[in-house]
N, C-alpha and C. Protein backbone atom coordinates (compact mmCIF):
# COMPACT_ATOMS: atom_id res chain seq x y z
N MET A 1 0.84 -1.18 0.00
CA MET A 1 0.00 0.00 0.00
C MET A 1 0.89 1.25 0.00
N ALA A 2 0.52 2.21 -0.78
CA ALA A 2 1.27 3.46 -0.89
C ALA A 2 1.01 4.35 0.33
N TYR A 3 1.83 5.38 0.46
CA TYR A 3 1.62 6.32 1.56
C TYR A 3 0.41 7.21 1.29
N ASP A 4 -0.09 7.82 2.35
CA ASP A 4 -1.26 8.70 2.31
C ASP A 4 -0.87 10.01 1.64
N LEU A 5 -1.41 10.28 0.46
CA LEU A 5 -1.04 11.47 -0.30
C LEU A 5 -1.45 12.76 0.41
N GLU A 6 -2.61 12.75 1.06
CA GLU A 6 -3.06 13.95 1.78
C GLU A 6 -2.14 14.23 2.97
N LEU A 7 -1.75 13.19 3.68
CA LEU A 7 -0.81 13.35 4.80
C LEU A 7 0.52 13.90 4.29
N ALA A 8 1.02 13.35 3.20
CA ALA A 8 2.29 13.81 2.64
C ALA A 8 2.19 15.28 2.24
N GLU A 9 1.08 15.69 1.66
CA GLU A 9 0.91 17.08 1.26
C GLU A 9 0.87 17.99 2.49
N HIS A 10 0.22 17.55 3.55
CA HIS A 10 0.18 18.35 4.78
C HIS A 10 1.58 18.50 5.37
N ILE A 11 2.33 17.42 5.39
CA ILE A 11 3.72 17.48 5.88
C ILE A 11 4.53 18.43 5.00
N ARG A 12 4.36 18.31 3.68
CA ARG A 12 5.07 19.17 2.73
C ARG A 12 4.79 20.64 3.02
N GLU A 13 3.53 20.97 3.29
CA GLU A 13 3.17 22.36 3.61
C GLU A 13 3.84 22.82 4.90
N LEU A 14 3.91 21.93 5.89
CA LEU A 14 4.54 22.28 7.16
C LEU A 14 6.06 22.45 7.02
N MET A 15 6.64 21.73 6.09
CA MET A 15 8.09 21.78 5.88
C MET A 15 8.50 22.92 4.94
N ALA A 16 7.55 23.44 4.18
CA ALA A 16 7.85 24.49 3.20
C ALA A 16 8.52 25.67 3.86
N GLY A 17 9.56 26.14 3.22
CA GLY A 17 10.26 27.32 3.70
C GLY A 17 11.31 27.04 4.77
N GLN A 18 11.39 25.81 5.26
CA GLN A 18 12.42 25.49 6.25
C GLN A 18 13.75 25.29 5.53
N GLU A 19 14.75 25.98 5.99
CA GLU A 19 16.07 25.88 5.37
C GLU A 19 16.58 24.44 5.44
N GLY A 20 17.08 23.96 4.32
CA GLY A 20 17.65 22.61 4.25
C GLY A 20 16.62 21.51 4.09
N ALA A 21 15.36 21.86 3.86
CA ALA A 21 14.30 20.85 3.73
C ALA A 21 14.30 20.24 2.32
N THR A 22 14.25 18.92 2.28
CA THR A 22 14.12 18.17 1.03
C THR A 22 13.19 16.99 1.29
N GLU A 23 12.78 16.34 0.22
CA GLU A 23 11.99 15.13 0.38
C GLU A 23 12.55 14.05 -0.52
N GLN A 24 12.32 12.80 -0.10
CA GLN A 24 12.89 11.68 -0.83
C GLN A 24 12.01 10.45 -0.66
N SER A 25 11.73 9.78 -1.77
CA SER A 25 11.00 8.51 -1.71
C SER A 25 11.88 7.46 -1.07
N MET A 26 11.31 6.72 -0.12
CA MET A 26 12.07 5.65 0.52
C MET A 26 11.14 4.64 1.16
N PHE A 27 11.47 3.37 1.02
CA PHE A 27 10.74 2.28 1.64
C PHE A 27 9.24 2.32 1.36
N GLY A 28 8.86 2.78 0.18
CA GLY A 28 7.46 2.86 -0.18
C GLY A 28 6.74 4.07 0.40
N GLY A 29 7.47 4.91 1.14
CA GLY A 29 6.91 6.11 1.73
C GLY A 29 7.60 7.34 1.18
N LEU A 30 7.36 8.47 1.82
CA LEU A 30 7.97 9.72 1.40
C LEU A 30 8.60 10.37 2.63
N GLY A 31 9.94 10.44 2.63
CA GLY A 31 10.68 11.01 3.74
C GLY A 31 10.93 12.49 3.55
N PHE A 32 10.90 13.22 4.66
CA PHE A 32 11.18 14.65 4.66
C PHE A 32 12.43 14.88 5.50
N MET A 33 13.42 15.49 4.88
CA MET A 33 14.74 15.65 5.47
C MET A 33 15.01 17.11 5.80
N LEU A 34 15.89 17.30 6.78
CA LEU A 34 16.44 18.62 7.09
C LEU A 34 17.94 18.48 7.12
N ASN A 35 18.60 19.19 6.24
CA ASN A 35 20.06 19.15 6.16
C ASN A 35 20.59 17.72 6.05
N GLY A 36 19.87 16.89 5.30
CA GLY A 36 20.29 15.52 5.06
C GLY A 36 19.86 14.52 6.12
N ASN A 37 19.25 14.96 7.19
CA ASN A 37 18.77 14.06 8.25
C ASN A 37 17.26 13.91 8.15
N MET A 38 16.80 12.67 8.14
CA MET A 38 15.36 12.46 8.08
C MET A 38 14.71 12.95 9.36
N ALA A 39 13.62 13.69 9.20
CA ALA A 39 12.86 14.23 10.32
C ALA A 39 11.56 13.46 10.49
N VAL A 40 10.81 13.32 9.40
CA VAL A 40 9.52 12.64 9.41
C VAL A 40 9.30 11.97 8.07
N ALA A 41 8.34 11.06 8.03
CA ALA A 41 7.97 10.42 6.77
C ALA A 41 6.50 10.06 6.80
N ALA A 42 5.87 10.16 5.64
CA ALA A 42 4.56 9.57 5.43
C ALA A 42 4.87 8.13 5.03
N ARG A 43 4.46 7.19 5.87
CA ARG A 43 4.91 5.82 5.66
C ARG A 43 3.96 5.02 4.78
N SER A 44 4.51 4.02 4.17
CA SER A 44 3.73 3.08 3.38
C SER A 44 2.70 2.43 4.30
N GLY A 45 1.47 2.38 3.89
CA GLY A 45 0.42 1.78 4.70
C GLY A 45 -0.29 2.78 5.59
N GLY A 46 0.11 4.05 5.56
CA GLY A 46 -0.52 5.07 6.37
C GLY A 46 0.27 5.39 7.62
N GLY A 47 -0.02 6.52 8.22
CA GLY A 47 0.68 6.94 9.42
C GLY A 47 2.01 7.61 9.11
N MET A 48 2.75 7.87 10.17
CA MET A 48 4.01 8.61 10.04
C MET A 48 5.14 7.89 10.75
N LEU A 49 6.34 8.12 10.27
CA LEU A 49 7.56 7.78 10.99
C LEU A 49 8.14 9.09 11.49
N ILE A 50 8.53 9.12 12.74
CA ILE A 50 9.05 10.33 13.35
C ILE A 50 10.41 10.03 13.95
N ARG A 51 11.36 10.91 13.69
CA ARG A 51 12.69 10.76 14.30
C ARG A 51 12.73 11.60 15.56
N VAL A 52 13.12 10.96 16.66
CA VAL A 52 13.17 11.63 17.96
C VAL A 52 14.45 11.24 18.67
N ASP A 53 14.78 11.99 19.71
CA ASP A 53 15.89 11.62 20.58
C ASP A 53 15.59 10.22 21.12
N PRO A 54 16.52 9.27 21.00
CA PRO A 54 16.25 7.90 21.43
C PRO A 54 15.78 7.80 22.89
N GLU A 55 16.34 8.60 23.77
CA GLU A 55 15.92 8.55 25.17
C GLU A 55 14.50 9.08 25.34
N ALA A 56 14.17 10.14 24.66
CA ALA A 56 12.83 10.72 24.74
C ALA A 56 11.79 9.81 24.09
N GLY A 57 12.19 9.10 23.05
CA GLY A 57 11.27 8.24 22.32
C GLY A 57 10.65 7.16 23.19
N GLU A 58 11.42 6.59 24.08
CA GLU A 58 10.91 5.55 24.97
C GLU A 58 9.72 6.04 25.78
N LYS A 59 9.75 7.30 26.19
CA LYS A 59 8.69 7.87 27.01
C LYS A 59 7.43 8.17 26.20
N LEU A 60 7.57 8.29 24.89
CA LEU A 60 6.43 8.64 24.03
C LEU A 60 5.63 7.42 23.58
N ILE A 61 6.21 6.25 23.68
CA ILE A 61 5.56 5.03 23.20
C ILE A 61 4.38 4.67 24.11
N ASP A 62 3.21 4.50 23.49
CA ASP A 62 2.04 4.08 24.26
C ASP A 62 1.56 2.68 23.86
N GLY A 63 2.20 2.09 22.86
CA GLY A 63 1.85 0.75 22.43
C GLY A 63 0.61 0.66 21.55
N LYS A 64 -0.09 1.75 21.39
CA LYS A 64 -1.30 1.76 20.57
C LYS A 64 -1.10 2.63 19.34
N ARG A 65 -1.07 3.94 19.54
CA ARG A 65 -0.92 4.87 18.42
C ARG A 65 0.53 5.29 18.20
N VAL A 66 1.37 5.09 19.20
CA VAL A 66 2.79 5.42 19.10
C VAL A 66 3.58 4.18 19.47
N ARG A 67 4.28 3.65 18.48
CA ARG A 67 5.03 2.41 18.65
C ARG A 67 6.46 2.60 18.20
N PRO A 68 7.37 1.77 18.68
CA PRO A 68 8.72 1.85 18.14
C PRO A 68 8.70 1.37 16.69
N MET A 69 9.51 1.98 15.85
CA MET A 69 9.64 1.51 14.48
C MET A 69 10.39 0.19 14.51
N VAL A 70 9.90 -0.77 13.76
CA VAL A 70 10.55 -2.08 13.69
C VAL A 70 10.98 -2.31 12.25
N MET A 71 12.26 -2.60 12.07
CA MET A 71 12.79 -2.89 10.74
C MET A 71 13.52 -4.23 10.80
N ARG A 72 13.09 -5.14 9.95
CA ARG A 72 13.66 -6.48 9.90
C ARG A 72 13.63 -7.16 11.27
N GLY A 73 12.51 -6.97 11.97
CA GLY A 73 12.31 -7.61 13.25
C GLY A 73 13.01 -6.95 14.42
N ARG A 74 13.63 -5.80 14.18
CA ARG A 74 14.39 -5.13 15.24
C ARG A 74 13.85 -3.73 15.48
N GLU A 75 13.65 -3.39 16.76
CA GLU A 75 13.22 -2.04 17.09
C GLU A 75 14.35 -1.06 16.82
N MET A 76 14.00 0.08 16.23
CA MET A 76 14.98 1.09 15.89
C MET A 76 14.87 2.25 16.89
N ALA A 77 15.83 2.36 17.76
CA ALA A 77 15.83 3.43 18.77
C ALA A 77 15.83 4.78 18.07
N GLY A 78 15.00 5.69 18.57
CA GLY A 78 14.94 7.03 18.00
C GLY A 78 13.99 7.18 16.83
N TRP A 79 13.26 6.13 16.53
CA TRP A 79 12.28 6.18 15.44
C TRP A 79 10.95 5.68 15.96
N LEU A 80 9.88 6.43 15.69
CA LEU A 80 8.54 6.06 16.14
C LEU A 80 7.61 5.89 14.96
N ASP A 81 6.75 4.91 15.06
CA ASP A 81 5.70 4.63 14.09
C ASP A 81 4.42 5.19 14.72
N VAL A 82 3.86 6.24 14.12
CA VAL A 82 2.78 6.98 14.75
C VAL A 82 1.54 7.03 13.86
N ASP A 83 0.39 6.73 14.45
CA ASP A 83 -0.89 6.90 13.77
C ASP A 83 -1.42 8.28 14.15
N VAL A 84 -1.86 9.04 13.18
CA VAL A 84 -2.39 10.39 13.42
C VAL A 84 -3.79 10.49 12.83
N ASP A 85 -4.64 11.25 13.53
CA ASP A 85 -6.02 11.42 13.06
C ASP A 85 -6.35 12.86 12.70
N THR A 86 -5.65 13.81 13.29
CA THR A 86 -6.02 15.21 13.11
C THR A 86 -4.83 16.01 12.57
N ASP A 87 -5.16 17.16 11.96
CA ASP A 87 -4.10 18.06 11.49
C ASP A 87 -3.24 18.51 12.65
N SER A 88 -3.84 18.73 13.79
CA SER A 88 -3.10 19.16 14.98
C SER A 88 -2.07 18.12 15.40
N GLU A 89 -2.45 16.85 15.34
CA GLU A 89 -1.50 15.78 15.68
C GLU A 89 -0.35 15.76 14.68
N VAL A 90 -0.66 15.90 13.40
CA VAL A 90 0.38 15.93 12.38
C VAL A 90 1.35 17.08 12.67
N GLU A 91 0.82 18.24 12.95
CA GLU A 91 1.65 19.42 13.22
C GLU A 91 2.55 19.20 14.43
N GLN A 92 2.01 18.60 15.49
CA GLN A 92 2.81 18.35 16.69
C GLN A 92 3.94 17.37 16.42
N TRP A 93 3.64 16.30 15.68
CA TRP A 93 4.67 15.31 15.40
C TRP A 93 5.72 15.84 14.42
N VAL A 94 5.30 16.61 13.44
CA VAL A 94 6.27 17.21 12.51
C VAL A 94 7.19 18.16 13.28
N ALA A 95 6.63 18.94 14.19
CA ALA A 95 7.46 19.85 15.00
C ALA A 95 8.47 19.07 15.82
N ARG A 96 8.05 17.96 16.40
CA ARG A 96 8.96 17.15 17.21
C ARG A 96 10.08 16.55 16.35
N GLY A 97 9.70 16.00 15.18
CA GLY A 97 10.69 15.39 14.30
C GLY A 97 11.67 16.40 13.73
N THR A 98 11.17 17.58 13.34
CA THR A 98 12.07 18.58 12.75
C THR A 98 12.99 19.17 13.82
N ALA A 99 12.49 19.33 15.03
CA ALA A 99 13.34 19.86 16.11
C ALA A 99 14.52 18.91 16.35
N TYR A 100 14.25 17.61 16.37
CA TYR A 100 15.35 16.67 16.60
C TYR A 100 16.31 16.65 15.40
N ALA A 101 15.77 16.62 14.19
CA ALA A 101 16.63 16.59 13.01
C ALA A 101 17.52 17.82 12.95
N ARG A 102 17.01 18.97 13.36
CA ARG A 102 17.82 20.21 13.37
C ARG A 102 18.96 20.14 14.38
N SER A 103 18.81 19.31 15.41
CA SER A 103 19.85 19.20 16.44
C SER A 103 21.03 18.33 15.98
N LEU A 104 20.87 17.65 14.85
CA LEU A 104 21.90 16.74 14.36
C LEU A 104 22.88 17.47 13.44
N PRO A 105 24.10 16.96 13.34
CA PRO A 105 25.06 17.56 12.39
C PRO A 105 24.54 17.46 10.96
N HIS A 106 24.83 18.48 10.15
CA HIS A 106 24.44 18.46 8.74
C HIS A 106 25.15 17.32 8.02
N LYS A 107 24.42 16.67 7.11
CA LYS A 107 25.02 15.66 6.25
C LYS A 107 25.23 16.30 4.89
N LYS A 108 26.24 15.88 4.21
CA LYS A 108 26.52 16.42 2.88
C LYS A 108 25.83 15.64 1.83
């Protein structure tokens, strides 16, 4: 299943005008980067992937709508798989992901 086009467009609007913002197709979804670091993604199958501080991420997991991202059977620290229902939720998660991505060193 492809990513949610409306969700991707909303993320795109939120990322517009941010210095160093780019987007890239990946893993069947659409990733949004800041200075080469992924911040958020509209994921394949719906929902979002959010990059967060690994220590903070553990506290955000509720096991229902916010889960650790699992890749090849392994939980990925600092990455959350998030279901969102409202524009407000999207905005909050994009803000969290972009804040963390901005804290990382620029990639070339």
